[in-house]
PDB file of N, CA and C in Angstrom:
ATOM      1  N   MET A   1     -75.343-116.055 113.102  1.00  0.00           N
ATOM      2  CA  MET A   1     -74.486-115.467 112.082  1.00  0.00           C
ATOM      3  C   MET A   1     -73.298-116.373 111.782  1.00  0.00           C
ATOM      4  N   GLY A   2     -72.777-117.029 112.807  1.00  0.00           N
ATOM      5  CA  GLY A   2     -71.626-117.910 112.612  1.00  0.00           C
ATOM      6  C   GLY A   2     -71.966-119.118 111.767  1.00  0.00           C
ATOM      7  N   ASN A   3     -73.190-119.629 111.923  1.00  0.00           N
ATOM      8  CA  ASN A   3     -73.608-120.782 111.120  1.00  0.00           C
ATOM      9  C   ASN A   3     -73.693-120.424 109.649  1.00  0.00           C
ATOM     10  N   LEU A   4     -74.176-119.220 109.356  1.00  0.00           N
ATOM     11  CA  LEU A   4     -74.289-118.770 107.972  1.00  0.00           C
ATOM     12  C   LEU A   4     -72.911-118.615 107.341  1.00  0.00           C
ATOM     13  N   LEU A   5     -71.980-118.039 108.078  1.00  0.00           N
ATOM     14  CA  LEU A   5     -70.615-117.868 107.578  1.00  0.00           C
ATOM     15  C   LEU A   5     -69.962-119.225 107.331  1.00  0.00           C
ATOM     16  N   GLY A   6     -70.169-120.166 108.227  1.00  0.00           N
ATOM     17  CA  GLY A   6     -69.629-121.513 108.052  1.00  0.00           C
ATOM     18  C   GLY A   6     -70.198-122.204 106.827  1.00  0.00           C
ATOM     19  N   LEU A   7     -71.488-122.003 106.587  1.00  0.00           N
ATOM     20  CA  LEU A   7     -72.128-122.592 105.416  1.00  0.00           C
ATOM     21  C   LEU A   7     -71.594-121.982 104.129  1.00  0.00           C
ATOM     22  N   VAL A   8     -71.387-120.683 104.122  1.00  0.00           N
ATOM     23  CA  VAL A   8     -70.836-120.009 102.942  1.00  0.00           C
ATOM     24  C   VAL A   8     -69.432-120.518 102.649  1.00  0.00           C
ATOM     25  N   ILE A   9     -68.610-120.656 103.677  1.00  0.00           N
ATOM     26  CA  ILE A   9     -67.252-121.165 103.490  1.00  0.00           C
ATOM     27  C   ILE A   9     -67.280-122.604 102.988  1.00  0.00           C
ATOM     28  N   LEU A  10     -68.185-123.415 103.505  1.00  0.00           N
ATOM     29  CA  LEU A  10     -68.320-124.799 103.054  1.00  0.00           C
ATOM     30  C   LEU A  10     -68.690-124.863 101.574  1.00  0.00           C
ATOM     31  N   VAL A  11     -69.650-124.060 101.165  1.00  0.00           N
ATOM     32  CA  VAL A  11     -70.068-124.045  99.761  1.00  0.00           C
ATOM     33  C   VAL A  11     -68.918-123.581  98.862  1.00  0.00           C
ATOM     34  N   LEU A  12     -68.207-122.541  99.278  1.00  0.00           N
ATOM     35  CA  LEU A  12     -67.077-122.058  98.490  1.00  0.00           C
ATOM     36  C   LEU A  12     -65.957-123.091  98.420  1.00  0.00           C
ATOM     37  N   ASP A  13     -65.731-123.820  99.499  1.00  0.00           N
ATOM     38  CA  ASP A  13     -64.726-124.880  99.497  1.00  0.00           C
ATOM     39  C   ASP A  13     -65.102-125.995  98.525  1.00  0.00           C
ATOM     40  N   VAL A  14     -66.362-126.385  98.531  1.00  0.00           N
ATOM     41  CA  VAL A  14     -66.817-127.428  97.602  1.00  0.00           C
ATOM     42  C   VAL A  14     -66.650-126.958  96.162  1.00  0.00           C
ATOM     43  N   LEU A  15     -66.979-125.705  95.884  1.00  0.00           N
ATOM     44  CA  LEU A  15     -66.810-125.160  94.534  1.00  0.00           C
ATOM     45  C   LEU A  15     -65.337-125.132  94.133  1.00  0.00           C
ATOM     46  N   ALA A  16     -64.462-124.781  95.054  1.00  0.00           N
ATOM     47  CA  ALA A  16     -63.032-124.759  94.756  1.00  0.00           C
ATOM     48  C   ALA A  16     -62.504-126.164  94.496  1.00  0.00           C
ATOM     49  N   ILE A  17     -62.971-127.144  95.252  1.00  0.00           N
ATOM     50  CA  ILE A  17     -62.533-128.524  95.049  1.00  0.00           C
ATOM     51  C   ILE A  17     -63.010-129.031  93.693  1.00  0.00           C
ATOM     52  N   VAL A  18     -64.247-128.753  93.334  1.00  0.00           N
ATOM     53  CA  VAL A  18     -64.764-129.165  92.028  1.00  0.00           C
ATOM     54  C   VAL A  18     -63.982-128.483  90.910  1.00  0.00           C
ATOM     55  N   ASP A  19     -63.690-127.199  91.080  1.00  0.00           N
ATOM     56  CA  ASP A  19     -62.897-126.473  90.089  1.00  0.00           C
ATOM     57  C   ASP A  19     -61.506-127.064  89.961  1.00  0.00           C
ATOM     58  N   CYS A  20     -60.918-127.435  91.073  1.00  0.00           N
ATOM     59  CA  CYS A  20     -59.585-128.036  91.072  1.00  0.00           C
ATOM     60  C   CYS A  20     -59.599-129.380  90.351  1.00  0.00           C
ATOM     61  N   ILE A  21     -60.627-130.165  90.562  1.00  0.00           N
ATOM     62  CA  ILE A  21     -60.724-131.474  89.914  1.00  0.00           C
ATOM     63  C   ILE A  21     -60.857-131.323  88.399  1.00  0.00           C
ATOM     64  N   LYS A  22     -61.527-130.274  87.948  1.00  0.00           N
ATOM     65  CA  LYS A  22     -61.754-130.071  86.516  1.00  0.00           C
ATOM     66  C   LYS A  22     -60.530-129.540  85.769  1.00  0.00           C
ATOM     67  N   THR A  23     -59.518-129.072  86.478  1.00  0.00           N
ATOM     68  CA  THR A  23     -58.343-128.512  85.808  1.00  0.00           C
ATOM     69  C   THR A  23     -57.506-129.612  85.163  1.00  0.00           C
ATOM     70  N   ILE A  24     -56.545-129.192  84.345  1.00  0.00           N
ATOM     71  CA  ILE A  24     -55.692-130.154  83.652  1.00  0.00           C
ATOM     72  C   ILE A  24     -54.346-130.338  84.359  1.00  0.00           C
ATOM     73  N   LYS A  25     -54.280-129.972  85.622  1.00  0.00           N
ATOM     74  CA  LYS A  25     -53.057-130.170  86.402  1.00  0.00           C
ATOM     75  C   LYS A  25     -52.821-131.661  86.613  1.00  0.00           C
ATOM     76  N   ASP A  26     -51.584-132.007  86.938  1.00  0.00           N
ATOM     77  CA  ASP A  26     -51.322-133.411  87.230  1.00  0.00           C
ATOM     78  C   ASP A  26     -51.949-133.789  88.576  1.00  0.00           C
ATOM     79  N   THR A  27     -52.113-135.070  88.761  1.00  0.00           N
ATOM     80  CA  THR A  27     -52.859-135.588  89.915  1.00  0.00           C
ATOM     81  C   THR A  27     -52.238-135.178  91.242  1.00  0.00           C
ATOM     82  N   GLY A  28     -50.926-135.152  91.320  1.00  0.00           N
ATOM     83  CA  GLY A  28     -50.262-134.778  92.569  1.00  0.00           C
ATOM     84  C   GLY A  28     -50.611-133.368  93.015  1.00  0.00           C
ATOM     85  N   LYS A  29     -50.624-132.436  92.072  1.00  0.00           N
ATOM     86  CA  LYS A  29     -50.965-131.056  92.410  1.00  0.00           C
ATOM     87  C   LYS A  29     -52.432-130.934  92.803  1.00  0.00           C
ATOM     88  N   LYS A  30     -53.296-131.671  92.116  1.00  0.00           N
ATOM     89  CA  LYS A  30     -54.716-131.649  92.466  1.00  0.00           C
ATOM     90  C   LYS A  30     -54.929-132.143  93.893  1.00  0.00           C
ATOM     91  N   VAL A  31     -54.291-133.257  94.225  1.00  0.00           N
ATOM     92  CA  VAL A  31     -54.436-133.823  95.568  1.00  0.00           C
ATOM     93  C   VAL A  31     -53.898-132.851  96.611  1.00  0.00           C
ATOM     94  N   LEU A  32     -52.777-132.226  96.331  1.00  0.00           N
ATOM     95  CA  LEU A  32     -52.199-131.258  97.269  1.00  0.00           C
ATOM     96  C   LEU A  32     -53.148-130.094  97.517  1.00  0.00           C
ATOM     97  N   TRP A  33     -53.727-129.527  96.465  1.00  0.00           N
ATOM     98  CA  TRP A  33     -54.654-128.412  96.630  1.00  0.00           C
ATOM     99  C   TRP A  33     -55.920-128.836  97.356  1.00  0.00           C
ATOM    100  N   ILE A  34     -56.437-130.022  97.035  1.00  0.00           N
ATOM    101  CA  ILE A  34     -57.656-130.487  97.700  1.00  0.00           C
ATOM    102  C   ILE A  34     -57.408-130.707  99.189  1.00  0.00           C
ATOM    103  N   VAL A  35     -56.281-131.304  99.538  1.00  0.00           N
ATOM    104  CA  VAL A  35     -55.947-131.520 100.950  1.00  0.00           C
ATOM    105  C   VAL A  35     -55.785-130.174 101.661  1.00  0.00           C
ATOM    106  N   LEU A  36     -55.134-129.222 100.998  1.00  0.00           N
ATOM    107  CA  LEU A  36     -54.954-127.901 101.598  1.00  0.00           C
ATOM    108  C   LEU A  36     -56.295-127.213 101.830  1.00  0.00           C
ATOM    109  N   ILE A  37     -57.206-127.329 100.883  1.00  0.00           N
ATOM    110  CA  ILE A  37     -58.527-126.721 101.030  1.00  0.00           C
ATOM    111  C   ILE A  37     -59.309-127.390 102.159  1.00  0.00           C
ATOM    112  N   ILE A  38     -59.164-128.704 102.296  1.00  0.00           N
ATOM    113  CA  ILE A  38     -59.901-129.420 103.340  1.00  0.00           C
ATOM    114  C   ILE A  38     -59.327-129.127 104.730  1.00  0.00           C
ATOM    115  N   ILE A  39     -58.007-129.106 104.845  1.00  0.00           N
ATOM    116  CA  ILE A  39     -57.384-128.898 106.153  1.00  0.00           C
ATOM    117  C   ILE A  39     -57.504-127.444 106.620  1.00  0.00           C
ATOM    118  N   LEU A  40     -57.297-126.507 105.712  1.00  0.00           N
ATOM    119  CA  LEU A  40     -57.389-125.079 106.037  1.00  0.00           C
ATOM    120  C   LEU A  40     -58.476-124.445 105.170  1.00  0.00           C
ATOM    121  N   PRO A  41     -59.725-124.578 105.560  1.00  0.00           N
ATOM    122  CA  PRO A  41     -60.827-124.184 104.670  1.00  0.00           C
ATOM    123  C   PRO A  41     -60.746-122.754 104.131  1.00  0.00           C
ATOM    124  N   LEU A  42     -60.608-121.776 104.975  1.00  0.00           N
ATOM    125  CA  LEU A  42     -60.614-120.398 104.492  1.00  0.00           C
ATOM    126  C   LEU A  42     -59.282-120.030 103.842  1.00  0.00           C
ATOM    127  N   VAL A  43     -58.187-120.350 104.501  1.00  0.00           N
ATOM    128  CA  VAL A  43     -56.860-120.027 103.967  1.00  0.00           C
ATOM    129  C   VAL A  43     -56.596-120.807 102.681  1.00  0.00           C
ATOM    130  N   GLY A  44     -56.942-122.091 102.659  1.00  0.00           N
ATOM    131  CA  GLY A  44     -56.745-122.907 101.471  1.00  0.00           C
ATOM    132  C   GLY A  44     -57.551-122.406 100.299  1.00  0.00           C
ATOM    133  N   LEU A  45     -58.769-121.967 100.561  1.00  0.00           N
ATOM    134  CA  LEU A  45     -59.629-121.422  99.513  1.00  0.00           C
ATOM    135  C   LEU A  45     -59.017-120.163  98.911  1.00  0.00           C
ATOM    136  N   ILE A  46     -58.576-119.268  99.762  1.00  0.00           N
ATOM    137  CA  ILE A  46     -57.976-118.016  99.292  1.00  0.00           C
ATOM    138  C   ILE A  46     -56.694-118.296  98.517  1.00  0.00           C
ATOM    139  N   LEU A  47     -55.843-119.162  99.052  1.00  0.00           N
ATOM    140  CA  LEU A  47     -54.598-119.489  98.365  1.00  0.00           C
ATOM    141  C   LEU A  47     -54.846-120.152  97.019  1.00  0.00           C
ATOM    142  N   TYR A  48     -55.845-121.026  96.944  1.00  0.00           N
ATOM    143  CA  TYR A  48     -56.133-121.698  95.675  1.00  0.00           C
ATOM    144  C   TYR A  48     -56.505-120.683  94.604  1.00  0.00           C
ATOM    145  N   TYR A  49     -57.376-119.744  94.944  1.00  0.00           N
ATOM    146  CA  TYR A  49     -57.801-118.774  93.924  1.00  0.00           C
ATOM    147  C   TYR A  49     -56.742-117.729  93.626  1.00  0.00           C
ATOM    148  N   LEU A  50     -55.833-117.450  94.563  1.00  0.00           N
ATOM    149  CA  LEU A  50     -54.778-116.461  94.303  1.00  0.00           C
ATOM    150  C   LEU A  50     -53.540-117.080  93.646  1.00  0.00           C
ATOM    151  N   VAL A  51     -53.166-118.279  94.084  1.00  0.00           N
ATOM    152  CA  VAL A  51     -51.909-118.885  93.633  1.00  0.00           C
ATOM    153  C   VAL A  51     -52.136-120.081  92.716  1.00  0.00           C
ATOM    154  N   GLY A  52     -53.030-120.971  93.099  1.00  0.00           N
ATOM    155  CA  GLY A  52     -53.186-122.234  92.412  1.00  0.00           C
ATOM    156  C   GLY A  52     -53.932-122.180  91.104  1.00  0.00           C
ATOM    157  N   LYS A  53     -54.841-121.253  90.988  1.00  0.00           N
ATOM    158  CA  LYS A  53     -55.666-121.170  89.778  1.00  0.00           C
ATOM    159  C   LYS A  53     -55.080-120.118  88.852  1.00  0.00           C
ATOM    160  N   LYS A  54     -54.338-120.604  87.874  1.00  0.00           N
ATOM    161  CA  LYS A  54     -53.742-119.698  86.896  1.00  0.00           C
ATOM    162  C   LYS A  54     -54.453-119.871  85.572  1.00  0.00           C
ATOM    163  N   LYS A  55     -54.744-118.773  84.951  1.00  0.00           N
ATOM    164  CA  LYS A  55     -55.469-118.813  83.677  1.00  0.00           C
ATOM    165  C   LYS A  55     -54.524-118.828  82.510  1.00  0.00           C
TER     166      LYS A  55
END
């Protein structure tokens, strides 16, 4: 069960990083969000979709 959860988090992290790269934010903010997602996979993912991704 733990392997499946890890795989799901990995896939969601990759999707968040790709989404972050596609945004029109400046490069510094993109790098900051990508580093945060990589260092803190679950927390960074949640924070990106709650705070970083504004429509």
